[in-house]
Protein backbone atom coordinates (compact mmCIF):
# COMPACT_ATOMS: atom_id res chain seq x y z
CA MET A 1 -0.30 -0.05 -0.05
CA THR A 2 1.26 3.32 -1.10
CA ARG A 3 -0.59 6.62 0.76
CA THR A 4 -0.69 9.89 2.06
CA PRO A 5 1.17 10.92 5.17
CA ARG A 6 -1.66 10.61 7.87
CA SER A 7 -2.81 14.29 9.44
CA GLY A 8 -2.09 15.36 13.20
CA THR A 9 -5.23 14.21 14.10
CA GLY A 10 -4.77 10.35 12.39
CA ARG A 11 -1.88 10.22 14.35
CA ARG A 12 -3.30 10.88 17.61
CA ALA A 13 -5.70 8.50 16.89
CA ILE A 14 -3.59 5.47 16.32
CA ALA A 15 -1.55 6.27 19.17
CA LEU A 16 -4.16 6.32 21.48
CA ALA A 17 -6.26 3.82 20.05
CA LEU A 18 -3.08 1.35 20.02
CA GLY A 19 -2.19 2.65 23.38
CA GLY A 20 -5.90 1.32 24.20
CA ALA A 21 -7.45 4.45 26.05
CA LEU A 22 -8.68 6.11 22.89
CA LEU A 23 -11.24 8.68 23.29
CA LEU A 24 -12.50 9.91 19.89
CA SER A 25 -15.13 12.05 18.97
CA GLY A 26 -16.05 13.33 15.32
CA CYS A 27 -18.77 12.29 12.83
CA GLY A 28 -19.88 8.98 12.20
CA LEU A 29 -19.06 6.82 9.06
CA GLY A 30 -19.87 8.10 5.63
CA THR A 31 -22.89 7.10 4.09
CA ALA A 32 -21.90 6.11 0.06
CA GLY A 33 -23.78 2.68 -0.56
CA MET A 34 -21.46 0.06 -1.37
CA THR A 35 -22.79 -3.54 -3.37
CA ALA A 36 -21.26 -6.63 -2.01
CA SER A 37 -18.09 -7.41 -4.41
CA GLY A 38 -19.36 -11.59 -4.33
CA SER A 39 -15.78 -12.58 -5.38
CA ASP A 40 -14.50 -13.79 -2.36
CA PRO A 41 -13.52 -17.28 -2.68
CA ALA A 42 -13.07 -17.85 0.66
CA ALA A 43 -16.52 -16.75 1.27
CA ARG A 44 -17.44 -20.26 3.06
CA CYS A 45 -14.60 -20.60 5.08
CA GLY A 46 -14.91 -18.93 8.28
CA PRO A 47 -12.36 -16.82 10.47
CA SER A 48 -8.41 -17.22 10.30
CA SER A 49 -5.74 -15.75 11.97
CA VAL A 50 -2.28 -14.56 11.51
CA PRO A 51 -0.25 -14.77 14.25
CA ALA A 52 2.85 -12.48 15.21
CA PRO A 53 6.38 -13.23 13.01
CA LYS A 54 8.28 -16.51 14.88
CA GLY A 55 11.73 -16.01 16.35
CA ASN A 56 13.87 -12.60 15.85
CA PRO A 57 14.24 -9.93 12.86
CA GLU A 58 16.88 -11.44 10.50
CA PRO A 59 20.10 -8.82 11.18
CA VAL A 60 22.04 -7.66 8.23
CA LYS A 61 26.31 -8.08 8.90
CA ALA A 62 27.02 -6.67 11.73
CA ALA A 63 29.44 -2.77 11.52
CA GLU A 64 31.25 -1.23 13.75
CA PRO A 65 29.51 2.31 14.39
CA GLU A 66 31.97 5.10 12.67
CA LEU A 67 31.17 7.77 15.28
CA PRO A 68 30.82 10.88 16.22
CA VAL A 69 28.39 11.44 13.91
CA THR A 70 26.02 14.53 13.66
CA VAL A 71 22.68 14.09 12.27
CA ARG A 72 19.56 15.78 11.73
CA SER A 73 16.81 15.19 14.04
CA ALA A 74 12.99 15.10 12.56
CA ASP A 75 12.10 17.99 14.85
CA GLY A 76 14.59 20.08 12.83
CA ALA A 77 17.71 19.67 15.52
CA ASP A 78 21.05 18.80 15.00
CA VAL A 79 21.88 15.88 17.39
CA THR A 80 25.59 14.64 17.45
CA VAL A 81 26.02 10.78 18.38
CA ARG A 82 29.38 10.13 19.89
CA ASP A 83 28.26 6.83 21.94
CA ALA A 84 25.96 4.12 20.43
CA ARG A 85 27.16 1.44 23.00
CA ARG A 86 23.67 1.73 25.12
CA VAL A 87 20.82 2.28 22.67
CA LEU A 88 17.51 2.80 23.67
CA ALA A 89 15.17 2.94 20.63
CA VAL A 90 11.34 3.15 21.40
CA ASN A 91 7.65 4.01 19.68
CA LEU A 92 4.71 3.18 19.49
CA TYR A 93 4.62 0.39 17.33
CA GLY A 94 7.84 -1.19 18.17
CA SER A 95 9.51 -0.87 14.51
CA LEU A 96 12.75 1.50 16.06
CA ALA A 97 13.84 -1.31 17.97
CA GLU A 98 13.40 -3.84 15.66
CA ILE A 99 15.23 -1.59 12.96
CA VAL A 100 18.44 -1.56 15.46
CA TYR A 101 18.53 -5.15 15.64
CA SER A 102 18.22 -5.89 12.11
CA LEU A 103 21.01 -3.76 11.55
CA GLY A 104 23.03 -6.12 13.87
CA LEU A 105 23.32 -4.06 16.57
CA GLY A 106 20.59 -5.68 19.15
CA ASP A 107 23.25 -6.23 21.86
CA ARG A 108 23.21 -2.71 22.32
CA LEU A 109 19.90 -2.58 23.22
CA VAL A 110 19.09 -1.42 26.79
CA GLY A 111 14.95 -1.42 27.18
CA ARG A 112 12.23 -1.44 25.18
CA ASP A 113 8.56 -0.47 24.53
CA VAL A 114 5.74 -2.18 25.26
CA SER A 115 5.09 -3.08 21.02
CA THR A 116 8.66 -4.60 21.51
CA THR A 117 8.36 -8.32 21.78
CA PHE A 118 10.61 -10.20 19.88
CA PRO A 119 12.27 -12.91 21.97
CA ALA A 120 15.88 -11.46 22.01
CA ALA A 121 13.77 -8.12 23.37
CA LYS A 122 11.16 -9.54 25.74
CA GLY A 123 14.12 -9.79 28.71
CA LEU A 124 14.97 -5.71 28.38
CA PRO A 125 13.12 -3.80 30.79
CA LEU A 126 10.34 -1.59 30.10
CA ALA A 127 11.13 1.98 29.10
CA THR A 128 7.63 2.73 29.38
CA GLY A 129 5.46 3.27 32.23
CA GLN A 130 1.73 4.32 31.90
CA GLY A 131 0.70 3.20 28.69
CA HIS A 132 3.36 4.32 25.94
CA ASP A 133 4.49 7.47 28.18
CA LEU A 134 8.42 7.63 28.84
CA SER A 135 9.77 8.86 32.17
CA ALA A 136 13.01 11.13 32.46
CA GLU A 137 14.36 9.34 35.65
CA GLY A 138 12.82 5.54 34.16
CA VAL A 139 15.12 6.41 30.85
CA LEU A 140 17.83 7.91 32.46
CA LYS A 141 18.15 4.87 34.91
CA LEU A 142 18.92 3.00 31.77
CA ASP A 143 21.88 5.25 31.34
CA PRO A 144 21.30 5.04 26.90
CA SER A 145 23.82 6.84 25.05
CA VAL A 146 21.52 7.73 22.92
CA VAL A 147 17.60 7.34 22.37
CA ILE A 148 16.32 6.91 18.92
CA ALA A 149 12.48 7.63 19.19
CA ASP A 150 9.57 9.16 17.13
CA THR A 151 6.87 11.76 17.83
CA SER A 152 4.31 8.71 18.63
CA ILE A 153 5.88 8.39 22.03
CA GLY A 154 6.77 11.05 24.83
CA PRO A 155 5.76 13.24 26.11
CA PRO A 156 7.93 16.22 24.23
CA GLU A 157 8.73 17.52 27.49
CA VAL A 158 10.73 14.02 28.85
CA LEU A 159 12.62 14.00 25.37
CA ASP A 160 13.72 17.63 26.04
CA GLN A 161 14.70 17.02 29.84
CA LEU A 162 16.59 13.91 28.17
CA ARG A 163 18.78 16.43 26.12
CA GLN A 164 18.94 18.50 28.67
CA SER A 165 20.53 15.70 30.74
CA GLY A 166 22.99 15.51 28.00
CA VAL A 167 21.57 12.00 25.95
CA PRO A 168 21.63 12.63 22.35
CA VAL A 169 17.79 12.14 21.37
CA VAL A 170 17.25 11.80 17.80
CA LEU A 171 13.61 11.57 16.49
CA VAL A 172 12.84 9.81 12.89
CA ASP A 173 9.74 10.95 10.73
CA ASP A 174 6.62 8.78 11.86
CA ARG A 175 4.98 8.23 9.21
CA GLN A 176 3.84 4.83 9.18
CA THR A 177 3.57 3.88 5.69
CA LEU A 178 5.29 1.58 3.30
CA PRO A 179 7.57 3.80 1.30
CA ALA A 180 8.94 5.21 4.85
CA VAL A 181 9.93 2.43 5.89
CA GLY A 182 13.02 2.83 4.22
CA ASP A 183 13.29 6.01 4.94
CA HIS A 184 13.16 4.76 8.93
CA ILE A 185 15.97 2.23 8.69
CA ARG A 186 18.20 4.46 6.95
CA ALA A 187 17.38 7.34 9.48
CA VAL A 188 18.37 4.65 12.29
CA ALA A 189 21.55 3.28 10.86
CA ASP A 190 22.61 6.85 9.84
CA ALA A 191 21.95 7.79 13.51
CA LEU A 192 24.25 4.44 15.18
CA GLY A 193 27.00 5.45 12.19
CA VAL A 194 26.42 2.31 10.15
CA PRO A 195 24.96 3.86 6.93
CA GLY A 196 26.17 0.76 4.88
CA ALA A 197 24.08 -1.51 6.81
CA GLY A 198 21.23 0.68 6.69
CA ARG A 199 21.34 0.65 2.52
CA LYS A 200 21.49 -2.73 2.94
CA LEU A 201 18.77 -3.43 5.06
CA ALA A 202 16.46 -0.69 3.44
CA ALA A 203 17.56 -2.34 0.06
CA ARG A 204 16.37 -6.12 1.53
CA VAL A 205 13.48 -5.02 3.14
CA ASP A 206 11.91 -2.75 0.10
CA GLY A 207 12.73 -5.97 -2.12
CA GLU A 208 10.48 -8.34 0.32
CA ILE A 209 7.62 -5.40 0.60
CA LYS A 210 7.66 -5.35 -3.00
CA ALA A 211 7.91 -9.32 -3.47
CA ALA A 212 4.88 -9.76 -0.88
CA ALA A 213 2.69 -7.35 -2.31
CA LYS A 214 3.33 -8.83 -6.27
CA SER A 215 2.37 -12.32 -4.93
CA ALA A 216 -0.95 -10.82 -3.71
CA SER A 217 -4.23 -9.59 -5.72
CA GLY A 218 -8.13 -9.58 -5.76
CA THR A 219 -11.08 -7.86 -5.61
CA LEU A 220 -11.96 -8.42 -1.85
CA ARG A 221 -13.13 -5.03 0.15
CA VAL A 222 -11.59 -5.11 3.77
CA ALA A 223 -12.22 -3.24 6.41
CA PHE A 224 -10.25 -2.95 9.66
CA LEU A 225 -11.63 -2.04 13.00
CA TYR A 226 -10.40 -1.11 16.01
CA LEU A 227 -11.89 -2.74 19.16
CA ARG A 228 -11.50 -2.44 22.95
CA GLY A 229 -14.71 -3.90 24.05
CA SER A 230 -13.94 -3.31 27.71
CA ALA A 231 -13.70 0.88 26.82
CA GLY A 232 -16.44 1.03 24.66
CA VAL A 233 -14.26 1.57 21.70
CA TYR A 234 -15.37 0.75 18.51
CA LEU A 235 -13.68 2.76 15.21
CA ILE A 236 -13.13 2.13 11.70
CA GLY A 237 -9.86 3.11 9.73
CA GLY A 238 -10.01 4.71 6.83
CA GLU A 239 -7.44 6.78 4.79
CA GLY A 240 -4.26 7.49 6.18
CA ALA A 241 -4.96 5.36 9.30
CA GLY A 242 -2.31 2.74 8.10
CA SER A 243 -4.21 -0.58 8.11
CA ASP A 244 -5.57 1.05 4.70
CA ALA A 245 -2.07 0.94 3.52
CA MET A 246 -1.72 -3.20 4.49
CA ILE A 247 -5.49 -3.84 2.93
CA GLU A 248 -3.94 -2.37 -0.64
CA ALA A 249 -0.64 -3.99 -0.42
CA ILE A 250 -2.28 -7.64 -0.29
CA GLY A 251 -4.35 -6.28 -3.41
CA ALA A 252 -7.66 -5.52 -1.57
CA THR A 253 -9.67 -2.40 -1.55
CA ASP A 254 -10.02 -0.71 1.74
CA ALA A 255 -13.73 -0.47 2.90
CA GLY A 256 -13.34 2.77 5.12
CA THR A 257 -11.46 4.61 2.52
CA ALA A 258 -13.86 3.28 -0.44
CA ILE A 259 -16.65 5.43 1.48
CA GLY A 260 -14.40 8.19 2.17
CA LEU A 261 -12.84 7.90 5.82
CA SER A 262 -9.82 9.13 6.73
CA GLY A 263 -7.78 8.09 9.85
CA PHE A 264 -10.26 6.20 12.38
CA ARG A 265 -14.00 7.04 12.76
CA PRO A 266 -16.27 5.99 15.16
CA LEU A 267 -18.11 2.85 14.03
CA THR A 268 -21.86 3.12 13.29
CA SER A 269 -24.33 0.17 12.05
CA GLU A 270 -25.57 2.48 8.68
CA GLY A 271 -21.77 3.03 7.79
CA LEU A 272 -20.56 -0.21 8.29
CA ILE A 273 -23.63 -1.39 6.14
CA ASN A 274 -22.94 0.92 3.53
CA ALA A 275 -19.20 -0.19 3.36
CA ALA A 276 -20.19 -3.89 2.47
CA PRO A 277 -17.02 -5.38 3.63
CA ASP A 278 -16.01 -9.34 2.66
CA VAL A 279 -13.10 -9.58 5.20
CA LEU A 280 -13.39 -7.56 8.61
CA LEU A 281 -9.81 -7.27 9.71
CA VAL A 282 -9.20 -6.87 13.40
CA MET A 283 -6.18 -7.02 16.55
CA THR A 284 -6.60 -10.34 18.36
CA ALA A 285 -6.77 -8.91 21.62
CA GLY A 286 -9.53 -6.55 20.38
CA LEU A 287 -11.27 -9.26 19.38
CA GLU A 288 -10.81 -11.23 22.51
CA SER A 289 -12.06 -7.95 24.09
CA VAL A 290 -15.54 -8.14 22.61
CA ASP A 291 -15.96 -11.74 23.39
CA GLY A 292 -14.88 -13.29 19.84
CA VAL A 293 -16.46 -13.69 16.84
CA SER A 294 -19.91 -14.31 17.89
CA GLY A 295 -19.47 -11.31 20.41
CA LEU A 296 -18.19 -9.09 17.28
CA LEU A 297 -21.67 -10.51 15.11
CA LYS A 298 -23.12 -8.63 17.96
CA LEU A 299 -22.26 -5.21 17.28
CA PRO A 300 -24.99 -3.12 15.29
CA GLY A 301 -24.28 -3.46 11.49
CA VAL A 302 -21.52 -6.06 11.55
CA ALA A 303 -23.74 -8.97 11.13
CA GLN A 304 -25.23 -7.13 8.30
CA THR A 305 -22.11 -7.14 6.03
CA PRO A 306 -20.87 -9.79 3.43
CA ALA A 307 -18.39 -10.42 6.29
CA GLY A 308 -20.39 -10.67 9.35
CA ARG A 309 -22.99 -12.84 7.64
CA ASN A 310 -19.90 -15.64 6.27
CA ARG A 311 -17.70 -14.94 9.66
CA ARG A 312 -15.25 -13.76 7.35
CA ILE A 313 -12.93 -12.35 10.29
CA VAL A 314 -9.14 -11.70 9.96
CA ASP A 315 -7.80 -11.51 13.15
CA VAL A 316 -4.09 -10.26 13.28
CA ALA A 317 -1.75 -10.29 16.15
CA ASP A 318 -1.13 -7.09 17.94
CA GLY A 319 1.96 -5.41 17.39
CA THR A 320 2.08 -6.69 14.07
CA LEU A 321 -0.35 -5.39 11.65
CA LEU A 322 0.65 -1.62 12.03
CA THR A 323 4.75 -2.06 13.11
CA PHE A 324 6.13 -1.09 9.43
CA GLY A 325 9.05 -1.99 10.80
CA SER A 326 11.86 -4.62 9.03
CA ARG A 327 9.56 -7.70 8.81
CA THR A 328 6.84 -5.82 7.43
CA GLY A 329 7.29 -8.05 3.90
CA GLU A 330 6.69 -10.74 5.87
CA THR A 331 3.63 -9.30 7.45
CA ILE A 332 2.09 -8.43 3.98
CA SER A 333 2.65 -12.28 3.25
CA ALA A 334 0.99 -13.62 5.91
CA LEU A 335 -1.70 -10.94 6.05
CA ALA A 336 -2.63 -12.06 2.04
CA THR A 337 -2.63 -15.72 2.79
CA ALA A 338 -5.33 -15.24 5.46
CA VAL A 339 -7.26 -12.67 3.62
CA HIS A 340 -7.38 -14.71 0.14
CA ARG A 341 -6.82 -18.41 1.56
CA THR A 342 -9.46 -20.96 -0.22
CA CYS A 343 -11.19 -23.46 2.10
């Protein structure tokens, strides 16, 4: 999926949504009527799942960082990194730590965010306290020689405090799109003094994404629903939500975008019925929060869609669909298999 960068409002919406504390108001869904595509080969196959990638990210050959290096942070500051022996790479999605590991520098990671869950990182101390918030005291206890982050994590005041304490903080552009994956890899690599490894990894990941997208095709309409039943939060994704890019990458049409939505919007029965998705895409934890497929079908409008009638629900492991890290190609392939499968 190639898509336009999401707006500031969209970034805040997805950040809150993935943090499990989204309070979103705004207009309901579009009402442009849609009809079922009628071409779902798996219409009677029922629910399926996309698990998290197995094992650790595959690293390129490790290179010794060439430091010091001065880079332009995404907030416009020129930051000099003199030491990359203790790296803290954190953001909402878990993509930055995954990139550091894939650059062959995984042994230098000293902490993680809650979205970084690959086996080699699980034993690292959490740098985030409440949800995805950092505390200056907590970060300084980890004694990082450099912090790499983006604006999906904060608050900004903490990042400023870290800089004032003498810790270099490099912010990476937080666009969560397929074209931006390579840019993020190169930015992280440049900040850590391994630009060659960054170019090599970016080329590999770009090839994997293109290969995965090329192998996927179809005419299905897929809607991504963000669900947190315990909080009464039910949203549908549209253009710029991130989910639209992954849906388009597997050769499907994003149902939310098709009815004129952007970012995340509150779910309404009328809008969902008009969107007429062949497949509903959800996070695994979100599906569990509404008591599984049977509970999802009880939400207004769901049972009246082609996806609801056919129980065509695809759940994706949390921290996988919207990571946009070095294993994005693998995620696209697994998602395409689940969506386009035949019984």
